[in-house]
Amino acid sequence: MRKILTRQEVQKKKNRNQIVIGGILIALMVLSTAGYAIFNTEKSSSGQETYEYGDITFYKQNNFWVLKASGQDFYFNYLPEDAMDVNLEGNFSLSDYSGKPLYYFNSDDSLFKIVNNLGSFTSRTPQQACMEGFECSGDFPLKNCANDNIILFNESERDSVVKNGSCVYISGNISKSGDAFLYRVFGIN
């Protein structure tokens, strides 16, 4: 048998239960917020792989090395030290591409990285072209090394980047040679 309670006793018990439940909910909210702040801070400050090259900091994101400069992200597969053995012939400068159209011939999978990194500096999105003296399958504009900025991809045993006129020949390990080219264009030596 249960004891019969007066209205005051029922109200007192109800108030006590509300205070206990309210205290538990407040403690749960405070602890969960504090836990999120503590664990999230630890992950972002220590969980990101970074690399210092002189006064430049690269960080690892989705298998790319990312350089953040002037509010823009630049993506590379190789760090500057890893691409130093690529043979570079010619003078490379960002001013060669700034505000001018850029074309490519014999595209490679690594093209997206070059387009992504240089595309914001060119006058329009880089596009595929046909080179004078070559047979092309498709309706592409006809371009030459005397007048147009063109990037050409070649298979080769040797990793190299050679500039001839306004054409740049990227050979060997295209991804590595492409990164060496971009580092030189951006003045990262």
N, C-alpha and C. Protein backbone atom coordinates (compact mmCIF):
# COMPACT_ATOMS: atom_id res chain seq x y z
N MET A 1 0.80 -1.17 0.00
CA MET A 1 0.00 0.00 0.00
C MET A 1 0.86 1.26 0.00
N ARG A 2 0.33 2.23 -0.73
CA ARG A 2 1.04 3.49 -0.84
C ARG A 2 0.42 4.51 0.10
N LYS A 3 1.29 5.35 0.65
CA LYS A 3 0.85 6.35 1.59
C LYS A 3 0.13 7.47 0.84
N ILE A 4 -0.93 7.95 1.36
CA ILE A 4 -1.67 9.04 0.75
C ILE A 4 -0.92 10.34 1.08
N LEU A 5 -0.65 11.11 0.02
CA LEU A 5 0.11 12.34 0.18
C LEU A 5 -0.81 13.56 0.05
N THR A 6 -0.44 14.58 0.78
CA THR A 6 -1.20 15.82 0.67
C THR A 6 -0.74 16.57 -0.58
N ARG A 7 -1.50 17.58 -0.95
CA ARG A 7 -1.15 18.36 -2.13
C ARG A 7 0.21 19.03 -1.96
N GLN A 8 0.53 19.50 -0.80
CA GLN A 8 1.82 20.14 -0.55
C GLN A 8 2.96 19.15 -0.74
N GLU A 9 2.78 17.95 -0.27
CA GLU A 9 3.83 16.93 -0.40
C GLU A 9 4.01 16.53 -1.88
N VAL A 10 2.92 16.42 -2.62
CA VAL A 10 2.98 16.09 -4.04
C VAL A 10 3.70 17.21 -4.79
N GLN A 11 3.35 18.46 -4.49
CA GLN A 11 3.97 19.60 -5.16
C GLN A 11 5.45 19.68 -4.81
N LYS A 12 5.82 19.43 -3.58
CA LYS A 12 7.21 19.45 -3.13
C LYS A 12 8.03 18.38 -3.86
N LYS A 13 7.47 17.19 -4.00
CA LYS A 13 8.15 16.08 -4.69
C LYS A 13 8.31 16.42 -6.19
N LYS A 14 7.27 17.02 -6.77
CA LYS A 14 7.32 17.39 -8.18
C LYS A 14 8.39 18.46 -8.42
N ASN A 15 8.47 19.47 -7.56
CA ASN A 15 9.49 20.52 -7.68
C ASN A 15 10.90 19.95 -7.55
N ARG A 16 11.09 19.04 -6.60
CA ARG A 16 12.39 18.42 -6.38
C ARG A 16 12.81 17.64 -7.63
N ASN A 17 11.89 16.88 -8.23
CA ASN A 17 12.19 16.11 -9.44
C ASN A 17 12.55 17.04 -10.61
N GLN A 18 11.84 18.16 -10.74
CA GLN A 18 12.13 19.12 -11.81
C GLN A 18 13.52 19.73 -11.63
N ILE A 19 13.91 20.03 -10.42
CA ILE A 19 15.23 20.60 -10.16
C ILE A 19 16.32 19.58 -10.47
N VAL A 20 16.12 18.35 -10.08
CA VAL A 20 17.11 17.29 -10.35
C VAL A 20 17.26 17.08 -11.86
N ILE A 21 16.16 16.95 -12.57
CA ILE A 21 16.20 16.73 -14.03
C ILE A 21 16.81 17.96 -14.72
N GLY A 22 16.45 19.16 -14.31
CA GLY A 22 17.02 20.38 -14.88
C GLY A 22 18.52 20.45 -14.65
N GLY A 23 18.98 20.09 -13.47
CA GLY A 23 20.42 20.08 -13.15
C GLY A 23 21.16 19.08 -14.03
N ILE A 24 20.58 17.91 -14.22
CA ILE A 24 21.21 16.89 -15.08
C ILE A 24 21.31 17.40 -16.52
N LEU A 25 20.23 18.00 -17.03
CA LEU A 25 20.26 18.53 -18.40
C LEU A 25 21.28 19.65 -18.56
N ILE A 26 21.37 20.55 -17.59
CA ILE A 26 22.36 21.63 -17.65
C ILE A 26 23.77 21.06 -17.63
N ALA A 27 24.04 20.11 -16.74
CA ALA A 27 25.36 19.48 -16.67
C ALA A 27 25.70 18.78 -17.98
N LEU A 28 24.73 18.08 -18.57
CA LEU A 28 24.95 17.39 -19.85
C LEU A 28 25.29 18.39 -20.96
N MET A 29 24.57 19.51 -21.02
CA MET A 29 24.85 20.51 -22.05
C MET A 29 26.23 21.14 -21.87
N VAL A 30 26.59 21.47 -20.64
CA VAL A 30 27.89 22.08 -20.37
C VAL A 30 29.02 21.10 -20.70
N LEU A 31 28.90 19.87 -20.26
CA LEU A 31 29.95 18.87 -20.52
C LEU A 31 30.08 18.54 -22.00
N SER A 32 28.96 18.44 -22.73
CA SER A 32 29.05 18.12 -24.15
C SER A 32 29.67 19.27 -24.93
N THR A 33 29.35 20.51 -24.58
CA THR A 33 29.95 21.66 -25.25
C THR A 33 31.45 21.73 -24.95
N ALA A 34 31.82 21.54 -23.70
CA ALA A 34 33.24 21.56 -23.32
C ALA A 34 33.99 20.43 -24.01
N GLY A 35 33.42 19.24 -24.05
CA GLY A 35 34.06 18.10 -24.72
C GLY A 35 34.27 18.35 -26.19
N TYR A 36 33.28 18.90 -26.85
CA TYR A 36 33.40 19.21 -28.28
C TYR A 36 34.51 20.22 -28.52
N ALA A 37 34.56 21.26 -27.69
CA ALA A 37 35.59 22.28 -27.85
C ALA A 37 36.98 21.71 -27.62
N ILE A 38 37.14 20.89 -26.61
CA ILE A 38 38.46 20.31 -26.30
C ILE A 38 38.92 19.37 -27.40
N PHE A 39 38.09 18.43 -27.80
CA PHE A 39 38.49 17.44 -28.79
C PHE A 39 38.62 18.03 -30.18
N ASN A 40 37.80 18.99 -30.55
CA ASN A 40 37.89 19.61 -31.86
C ASN A 40 39.17 20.44 -31.97
N THR A 41 39.57 21.15 -30.93
CA THR A 41 40.79 21.95 -30.94
C THR A 41 42.01 21.06 -31.07
N GLU A 42 42.06 19.96 -30.35
CA GLU A 42 43.20 19.05 -30.43
C GLU A 42 43.35 18.49 -31.83
N LYS A 43 42.27 18.13 -32.47
CA LYS A 43 42.33 17.53 -33.79
C LYS A 43 42.84 18.53 -34.83
N SER A 44 42.35 19.76 -34.82
CA SER A 44 42.74 20.72 -35.84
C SER A 44 44.17 21.22 -35.63
N SER A 45 44.64 21.31 -34.39
CA SER A 45 45.98 21.83 -34.17
C SER A 45 47.06 20.77 -34.35
N SER A 46 46.78 19.52 -34.08
CA SER A 46 47.81 18.50 -34.18
C SER A 46 47.54 17.47 -35.27
N GLY A 47 46.35 17.43 -35.83
CA GLY A 47 46.00 16.38 -36.78
C GLY A 47 46.37 16.70 -38.22
N GLN A 48 46.80 17.91 -38.53
CA GLN A 48 47.10 18.29 -39.91
C GLN A 48 48.60 18.23 -40.15
N GLU A 49 48.99 17.50 -41.19
CA GLU A 49 50.40 17.39 -41.55
C GLU A 49 50.81 18.65 -42.30
N THR A 50 51.90 19.28 -41.86
CA THR A 50 52.40 20.48 -42.51
C THR A 50 53.86 20.31 -42.88
N TYR A 51 54.33 21.16 -43.79
CA TYR A 51 55.71 21.13 -44.23
C TYR A 51 56.17 22.57 -44.43
N GLU A 52 57.31 22.91 -43.86
CA GLU A 52 57.88 24.25 -43.99
C GLU A 52 58.96 24.22 -45.06
N TYR A 53 58.86 25.12 -46.03
CA TYR A 53 59.88 25.28 -47.06
C TYR A 53 60.25 26.75 -47.08
N GLY A 54 61.36 27.07 -46.41
CA GLY A 54 61.71 28.48 -46.22
C GLY A 54 60.64 29.15 -45.39
N ASP A 55 60.07 30.22 -45.90
CA ASP A 55 59.00 30.91 -45.18
C ASP A 55 57.61 30.52 -45.69
N ILE A 56 57.55 29.43 -46.45
CA ILE A 56 56.29 28.96 -47.02
C ILE A 56 55.83 27.71 -46.27
N THR A 57 54.55 27.66 -45.93
CA THR A 57 54.00 26.50 -45.25
C THR A 57 53.01 25.79 -46.17
N PHE A 58 53.24 24.49 -46.35
CA PHE A 58 52.33 23.63 -47.09
C PHE A 58 51.59 22.77 -46.07
N TYR A 59 50.34 22.43 -46.36
CA TYR A 59 49.63 21.48 -45.51
C TYR A 59 49.01 20.40 -46.39
N LYS A 60 48.85 19.23 -45.80
CA LYS A 60 48.36 18.06 -46.52
C LYS A 60 46.83 18.04 -46.48
N GLN A 61 46.23 17.88 -47.67
CA GLN A 61 44.78 17.78 -47.77
C GLN A 61 44.43 16.85 -48.92
N ASN A 62 43.76 15.75 -48.63
CA ASN A 62 43.30 14.80 -49.65
C ASN A 62 44.42 14.39 -50.62
N ASN A 63 45.55 13.99 -50.08
CA ASN A 63 46.71 13.54 -50.87
C ASN A 63 47.36 14.63 -51.71
N PHE A 64 47.06 15.88 -51.46
CA PHE A 64 47.71 17.00 -52.12
C PHE A 64 48.43 17.84 -51.07
N TRP A 65 49.51 18.48 -51.49
CA TRP A 65 50.15 19.50 -50.67
C TRP A 65 49.55 20.82 -51.10
N VAL A 66 49.03 21.57 -50.15
CA VAL A 66 48.31 22.80 -50.45
C VAL A 66 49.09 23.99 -49.91
N LEU A 67 49.22 24.99 -50.75
CA LEU A 67 49.84 26.25 -50.38
C LEU A 67 48.74 27.31 -50.43
N LYS A 68 48.54 28.00 -49.32
CA LYS A 68 47.53 29.07 -49.28
C LYS A 68 48.27 30.39 -49.41
N ALA A 69 47.95 31.12 -50.48
CA ALA A 69 48.58 32.42 -50.72
C ALA A 69 47.57 33.36 -51.36
N SER A 70 47.54 34.56 -50.91
CA SER A 70 46.64 35.60 -51.43
C SER A 70 45.18 35.14 -51.45
N GLY A 71 44.79 34.41 -50.44
CA GLY A 71 43.41 33.95 -50.33
C GLY A 71 43.04 32.84 -51.29
N GLN A 72 44.03 32.22 -51.92
CA GLN A 72 43.77 31.15 -52.89
C GLN A 72 44.57 29.92 -52.50
N ASP A 73 44.02 28.74 -52.77
CA ASP A 73 44.71 27.49 -52.52
C ASP A 73 45.36 27.00 -53.80
N PHE A 74 46.64 26.61 -53.70
CA PHE A 74 47.38 26.04 -54.82
C PHE A 74 47.73 24.61 -54.46
N TYR A 75 47.43 23.67 -55.37
CA TYR A 75 47.56 22.24 -55.10
C TYR A 75 48.76 21.65 -55.85
N PHE A 76 49.51 20.78 -55.12
CA PHE A 76 50.67 20.11 -55.68
C PHE A 76 50.69 18.66 -55.21
N ASN A 77 51.23 17.77 -56.04
CA ASN A 77 51.43 16.39 -55.63
C ASN A 77 52.78 16.22 -54.93
N TYR A 78 53.74 17.04 -55.32
CA TYR A 78 55.10 16.94 -54.80
C TYR A 78 55.48 18.23 -54.10
N LEU A 79 56.30 18.09 -53.06
CA LEU A 79 56.86 19.25 -52.39
C LEU A 79 58.01 19.80 -53.22
N PRO A 80 58.41 21.06 -53.02
CA PRO A 80 59.49 21.63 -53.83
C PRO A 80 60.77 20.80 -53.81
N GLU A 81 61.15 20.28 -52.65
CA GLU A 81 62.37 19.47 -52.54
C GLU A 81 62.28 18.19 -53.36
N ASP A 82 61.07 17.62 -53.46
CA ASP A 82 60.88 16.37 -54.19
C ASP A 82 60.91 16.58 -55.70
N ALA A 83 60.68 17.80 -56.15
CA ALA A 83 60.65 18.10 -57.58
C ALA A 83 61.92 18.79 -58.06
N MET A 84 62.94 18.87 -57.20
CA MET A 84 64.17 19.57 -57.57
C MET A 84 64.97 18.86 -58.65
N ASP A 85 64.80 17.55 -58.79
CA ASP A 85 65.59 16.80 -59.77
C ASP A 85 65.02 16.89 -61.19
N VAL A 86 63.91 17.59 -61.37
CA VAL A 86 63.33 17.77 -62.71
C VAL A 86 64.18 18.80 -63.46
N ASN A 87 64.57 18.46 -64.67
CA ASN A 87 65.37 19.35 -65.51
C ASN A 87 64.48 20.46 -66.07
N LEU A 88 64.81 21.71 -65.76
CA LEU A 88 64.05 22.87 -66.23
C LEU A 88 64.91 23.69 -67.18
N GLU A 89 64.42 23.89 -68.40
CA GLU A 89 65.15 24.69 -69.38
C GLU A 89 64.25 25.83 -69.86
N GLY A 90 64.73 27.04 -69.67
CA GLY A 90 63.97 28.20 -70.10
C GLY A 90 63.63 29.11 -68.95
N ASN A 91 63.11 30.27 -69.27
CA ASN A 91 62.69 31.24 -68.26
C ASN A 91 61.18 31.13 -68.07
N PHE A 92 60.78 30.96 -66.83
CA PHE A 92 59.36 30.80 -66.51
C PHE A 92 58.96 31.91 -65.55
N SER A 93 57.85 32.56 -65.85
CA SER A 93 57.38 33.65 -65.01
C SER A 93 55.86 33.70 -65.05
N LEU A 94 55.27 34.09 -63.96
CA LEU A 94 53.81 34.22 -63.90
C LEU A 94 53.33 35.29 -64.87
N SER A 95 54.14 36.29 -65.13
CA SER A 95 53.74 37.36 -66.05
C SER A 95 53.56 36.83 -67.48
N ASP A 96 54.18 35.68 -67.79
CA ASP A 96 53.99 35.07 -69.12
C ASP A 96 52.55 34.61 -69.32
N TYR A 97 51.83 34.37 -68.22
CA TYR A 97 50.48 33.80 -68.31
C TYR A 97 49.39 34.75 -67.81
N SER A 98 49.76 35.75 -67.05
CA SER A 98 48.78 36.67 -66.47
C SER A 98 48.04 37.45 -67.55
N GLY A 99 46.73 37.32 -67.53
CA GLY A 99 45.88 38.07 -68.44
C GLY A 99 45.93 37.61 -69.89
N LYS A 100 46.52 36.43 -70.14
CA LYS A 100 46.64 35.91 -71.50
C LYS A 100 45.95 34.54 -71.57
N PRO A 101 45.50 34.15 -72.75
CA PRO A 101 44.90 32.82 -72.87
C PRO A 101 45.97 31.73 -72.76
N LEU A 102 45.57 30.59 -72.26
CA LEU A 102 46.45 29.43 -72.13
C LEU A 102 45.79 28.25 -72.83
N TYR A 103 46.57 27.52 -73.61
CA TYR A 103 46.08 26.36 -74.34
C TYR A 103 46.88 25.14 -73.94
N TYR A 104 46.34 23.97 -74.21
CA TYR A 104 47.07 22.73 -73.96
C TYR A 104 46.86 21.78 -75.13
N PHE A 105 47.86 20.93 -75.32
CA PHE A 105 47.86 19.95 -76.40
C PHE A 105 48.34 18.63 -75.81
N ASN A 106 47.76 17.51 -76.23
CA ASN A 106 48.10 16.19 -75.68
C ASN A 106 47.85 16.17 -74.18
N SER A 107 46.65 16.43 -73.75
CA SER A 107 46.36 16.57 -72.33
C SER A 107 46.67 15.30 -71.56
N ASP A 108 46.93 15.48 -70.30
CA ASP A 108 47.27 14.41 -69.36
C ASP A 108 46.38 14.58 -68.14
N ASP A 109 46.30 13.54 -67.30
CA ASP A 109 45.49 13.61 -66.08
C ASP A 109 45.96 14.73 -65.14
N SER A 110 47.23 15.08 -65.20
CA SER A 110 47.77 16.13 -64.33
C SER A 110 47.41 17.52 -64.80
N LEU A 111 46.76 17.62 -65.93
CA LEU A 111 46.40 18.92 -66.47
C LEU A 111 45.52 19.72 -65.50
N PHE A 112 44.60 19.04 -64.82
CA PHE A 112 43.67 19.76 -63.93
C PHE A 112 44.43 20.56 -62.88
N LYS A 113 45.56 20.04 -62.40
CA LYS A 113 46.34 20.74 -61.38
C LYS A 113 46.93 22.03 -61.95
N ILE A 114 47.46 21.96 -63.16
CA ILE A 114 48.03 23.15 -63.80
C ILE A 114 46.93 24.16 -64.10
N VAL A 115 45.81 23.68 -64.61
CA VAL A 115 44.67 24.56 -64.92
C VAL A 115 44.15 25.20 -63.64
N ASN A 116 44.03 24.41 -62.57
CA ASN A 116 43.54 24.94 -61.30
C ASN A 116 44.47 26.01 -60.75
N ASN A 117 45.78 25.78 -60.83
CA ASN A 117 46.74 26.71 -60.25
C ASN A 117 46.98 27.94 -61.12
N LEU A 118 46.98 27.79 -62.43
CA LEU A 118 47.24 28.93 -63.32
C LEU A 118 45.97 29.59 -63.84
N GLY A 119 44.86 28.86 -63.83
CA GLY A 119 43.62 29.33 -64.45
C GLY A 119 43.12 30.65 -63.94
N SER A 120 43.33 30.94 -62.66
CA SER A 120 42.84 32.22 -62.13
C SER A 120 43.66 33.41 -62.61
N PHE A 121 44.84 33.15 -63.15
CA PHE A 121 45.70 34.23 -63.63
C PHE A 121 45.52 34.49 -65.13
N THR A 122 45.03 33.48 -65.85
CA THR A 122 44.89 33.62 -67.30
C THR A 122 43.62 34.42 -67.63
N SER A 123 43.52 34.85 -68.88
CA SER A 123 42.38 35.68 -69.26
C SER A 123 41.08 34.90 -69.36
N ARG A 124 41.17 33.59 -69.51
CA ARG A 124 39.98 32.73 -69.55
C ARG A 124 40.41 31.32 -69.19
N THR A 125 39.44 30.45 -69.07
CA THR A 125 39.73 29.06 -68.74
C THR A 125 40.60 28.44 -69.83
N PRO A 126 41.72 27.81 -69.45
CA PRO A 126 42.56 27.16 -70.47
C PRO A 126 41.75 26.17 -71.30
N GLN A 127 42.08 26.10 -72.59
CA GLN A 127 41.33 25.21 -73.47
C GLN A 127 42.26 24.41 -74.37
N GLN A 128 41.75 23.31 -74.86
CA GLN A 128 42.52 22.44 -75.74
C GLN A 128 42.68 23.10 -77.10
N ALA A 129 43.85 22.89 -77.72
CA ALA A 129 44.15 23.46 -79.03
C ALA A 129 44.83 22.41 -79.89
N CYS A 130 44.90 22.68 -81.18
CA CYS A 130 45.62 21.85 -82.11
C CYS A 130 46.90 22.60 -82.49
N MET A 131 48.02 21.89 -82.50
CA MET A 131 49.30 22.50 -82.85
C MET A 131 49.51 22.44 -84.36
N GLU A 132 50.08 23.50 -84.90
CA GLU A 132 50.43 23.50 -86.32
C GLU A 132 51.40 22.34 -86.58
N GLY A 133 51.17 21.62 -87.65
CA GLY A 133 52.03 20.50 -88.00
C GLY A 133 51.58 19.17 -87.43
N PHE A 134 50.53 19.16 -86.62
CA PHE A 134 50.01 17.93 -86.03
C PHE A 134 48.59 17.70 -86.52
N GLU A 135 48.21 16.44 -86.60
CA GLU A 135 46.84 16.10 -86.96
C GLU A 135 46.03 15.99 -85.68
N CYS A 136 44.89 16.62 -85.65
CA CYS A 136 44.06 16.62 -84.45
C CYS A 136 42.70 16.02 -84.74
N SER A 137 42.17 15.30 -83.76
CA SER A 137 40.82 14.78 -83.89
C SER A 137 39.91 15.67 -83.05
N GLY A 138 39.20 16.53 -83.68
CA GLY A 138 38.32 17.46 -82.99
C GLY A 138 38.42 18.83 -83.62
N ASP A 139 37.49 19.66 -83.26
CA ASP A 139 37.43 21.01 -83.81
C ASP A 139 38.05 21.97 -82.80
N PHE A 140 39.40 22.03 -82.79
CA PHE A 140 40.12 22.87 -81.84
C PHE A 140 40.81 24.00 -82.60
N PRO A 141 41.01 25.13 -81.95
CA PRO A 141 41.71 26.22 -82.62
C PRO A 141 43.16 25.83 -82.94
N LEU A 142 43.66 26.30 -84.06
CA LEU A 142 45.02 26.01 -84.50
C LEU A 142 45.96 27.04 -83.87
N LYS A 143 46.97 26.57 -83.13
CA LYS A 143 47.88 27.46 -82.40
C LYS A 143 49.33 27.10 -82.72
N ASN A 144 50.26 28.04 -82.39
CA ASN A 144 51.68 27.79 -82.61
C ASN A 144 52.50 28.36 -81.46
N CYS A 145 53.77 27.96 -81.40
CA CYS A 145 54.66 28.37 -80.30
C CYS A 145 55.16 29.80 -80.43
N ALA A 146 54.97 30.41 -81.56
CA ALA A 146 55.45 31.78 -81.75
C ALA A 146 54.50 32.80 -81.12
N ASN A 147 53.20 32.47 -81.11
CA ASN A 147 52.22 33.48 -80.68
C ASN A 147 51.37 33.10 -79.48
N ASP A 148 51.30 31.82 -79.13
CA ASP A 148 50.32 31.37 -78.15
C ASP A 148 50.98 30.59 -77.00
N ASN A 149 50.48 30.81 -75.77
CA ASN A 149 50.94 30.03 -74.61
C ASN A 149 50.30 28.65 -74.68
N ILE A 150 51.15 27.64 -74.88
CA ILE A 150 50.65 26.28 -75.01
C ILE A 150 51.46 25.37 -74.10
N ILE A 151 50.78 24.47 -73.42
CA ILE A 151 51.44 23.44 -72.62
C ILE A 151 51.24 22.11 -73.34
N LEU A 152 52.34 21.42 -73.58
CA LEU A 152 52.31 20.13 -74.27
C LEU A 152 52.84 19.06 -73.33
N PHE A 153 52.23 17.91 -73.35
CA PHE A 153 52.64 16.80 -72.51
C PHE A 153 53.26 15.71 -73.38
N ASN A 154 54.48 15.28 -73.00
CA ASN A 154 55.21 14.27 -73.77
C ASN A 154 55.58 13.10 -72.88
N GLU A 155 55.52 11.90 -73.44
CA GLU A 155 56.04 10.73 -72.74
C GLU A 155 57.55 10.73 -72.90
N SER A 156 58.25 10.43 -71.82
CA SER A 156 59.70 10.41 -71.85
C SER A 156 60.21 9.67 -70.63
N GLU A 157 61.43 9.20 -70.70
CA GLU A 157 62.08 8.57 -69.55
C GLU A 157 62.59 9.62 -68.57
N ARG A 158 62.83 10.82 -69.05
CA ARG A 158 63.46 11.88 -68.28
C ARG A 158 62.42 12.92 -67.85
N ASP A 159 62.44 13.25 -66.57
CA ASP A 159 61.55 14.30 -66.06
C ASP A 159 62.11 15.65 -66.46
N SER A 160 61.37 16.38 -67.27
CA SER A 160 61.88 17.67 -67.71
C SER A 160 60.74 18.62 -68.07
N VAL A 161 61.08 19.90 -68.07
CA VAL A 161 60.19 20.96 -68.52
C VAL A 161 61.05 21.87 -69.40
N VAL A 162 60.67 21.98 -70.65
CA VAL A 162 61.45 22.77 -71.60
C VAL A 162 60.54 23.82 -72.23
N LYS A 163 61.03 25.07 -72.22
CA LYS A 163 60.28 26.15 -72.84
C LYS A 163 60.93 26.47 -74.18
N ASN A 164 60.10 26.45 -75.22
CA ASN A 164 60.55 26.78 -76.57
C ASN A 164 59.57 27.79 -77.13
N GLY A 165 60.00 29.04 -77.27
CA GLY A 165 59.07 30.10 -77.65
C GLY A 165 58.09 30.30 -76.51
N SER A 166 56.81 30.24 -76.82
CA SER A 166 55.80 30.34 -75.76
C SER A 166 55.18 28.98 -75.45
N CYS A 167 55.80 27.91 -75.94
CA CYS A 167 55.35 26.55 -75.65
C CYS A 167 56.16 25.96 -74.49
N VAL A 168 55.51 25.21 -73.64
CA VAL A 168 56.16 24.52 -72.54
C VAL A 168 55.91 23.03 -72.73
N TYR A 169 57.00 22.27 -72.82
CA TYR A 169 56.93 20.81 -73.00
C TYR A 169 57.19 20.17 -71.64
N ILE A 170 56.18 19.47 -71.12
CA ILE A 170 56.29 18.79 -69.83
C ILE A 170 56.43 17.30 -70.12
N SER A 171 57.53 16.69 -69.63
CA SER A 171 57.84 15.30 -69.99
C SER A 171 58.19 14.47 -68.77
N GLY A 172 58.16 13.14 -68.98
CA GLY A 172 58.54 12.19 -67.93
C GLY A 172 57.38 11.96 -67.00
N ASN A 173 57.64 12.01 -65.69
CA ASN A 173 56.59 11.94 -64.69
C ASN A 173 55.85 13.27 -64.76
N ILE A 174 54.74 13.28 -65.47
CA ILE A 174 54.02 14.52 -65.76
C ILE A 174 53.61 15.25 -64.49
N SER A 175 53.18 14.52 -63.48
CA SER A 175 52.75 15.15 -62.23
C SER A 175 53.92 15.85 -61.55
N LYS A 176 55.05 15.18 -61.47
CA LYS A 176 56.23 15.75 -60.82
C LYS A 176 56.79 16.91 -61.66
N SER A 177 56.90 16.71 -62.96
CA SER A 177 57.41 17.77 -63.84
C SER A 177 56.45 18.97 -63.84
N GLY A 178 55.15 18.70 -63.82
CA GLY A 178 54.16 19.78 -63.75
C GLY A 178 54.30 20.60 -62.49
N ASP A 179 54.56 19.92 -61.35
CA ASP A 179 54.77 20.65 -60.10
C ASP A 179 56.04 21.50 -60.16
N ALA A 180 57.12 20.95 -60.74
CA ALA A 180 58.36 21.72 -60.88
C ALA A 180 58.11 22.97 -61.73
N PHE A 181 57.35 22.82 -62.80
CA PHE A 181 56.98 23.94 -63.66
C PHE A 181 56.22 25.00 -62.86
N LEU A 182 55.21 24.57 -62.11
CA LEU A 182 54.41 25.53 -61.32
C LEU A 182 55.25 26.22 -60.26
N TYR A 183 56.13 25.47 -59.58
CA TYR A 183 57.00 26.10 -58.59
C TYR A 183 57.85 27.18 -59.22
N ARG A 184 58.39 26.91 -60.39
CA ARG A 184 59.24 27.91 -61.06
C ARG A 184 58.41 29.12 -61.49
N VAL A 185 57.21 28.88 -62.01
CA VAL A 185 56.34 29.99 -62.43
C VAL A 185 56.00 30.88 -61.24
N PHE A 186 55.74 30.26 -60.07
CA PHE A 186 55.36 31.02 -58.89
C PHE A 186 56.58 31.55 -58.11
N GLY A 187 57.78 31.27 -58.61
CA GLY A 187 58.98 31.78 -57.96
C GLY A 187 59.38 31.02 -56.71
N ILE A 188 58.96 29.78 -56.59
CA ILE A 188 59.33 28.93 -55.46
C ILE A 188 60.45 28.02 -55.95
N ASN A 189 61.68 28.33 -55.58
CA ASN A 189 62.84 27.55 -56.07
C ASN A 189 63.53 26.83 -54.94
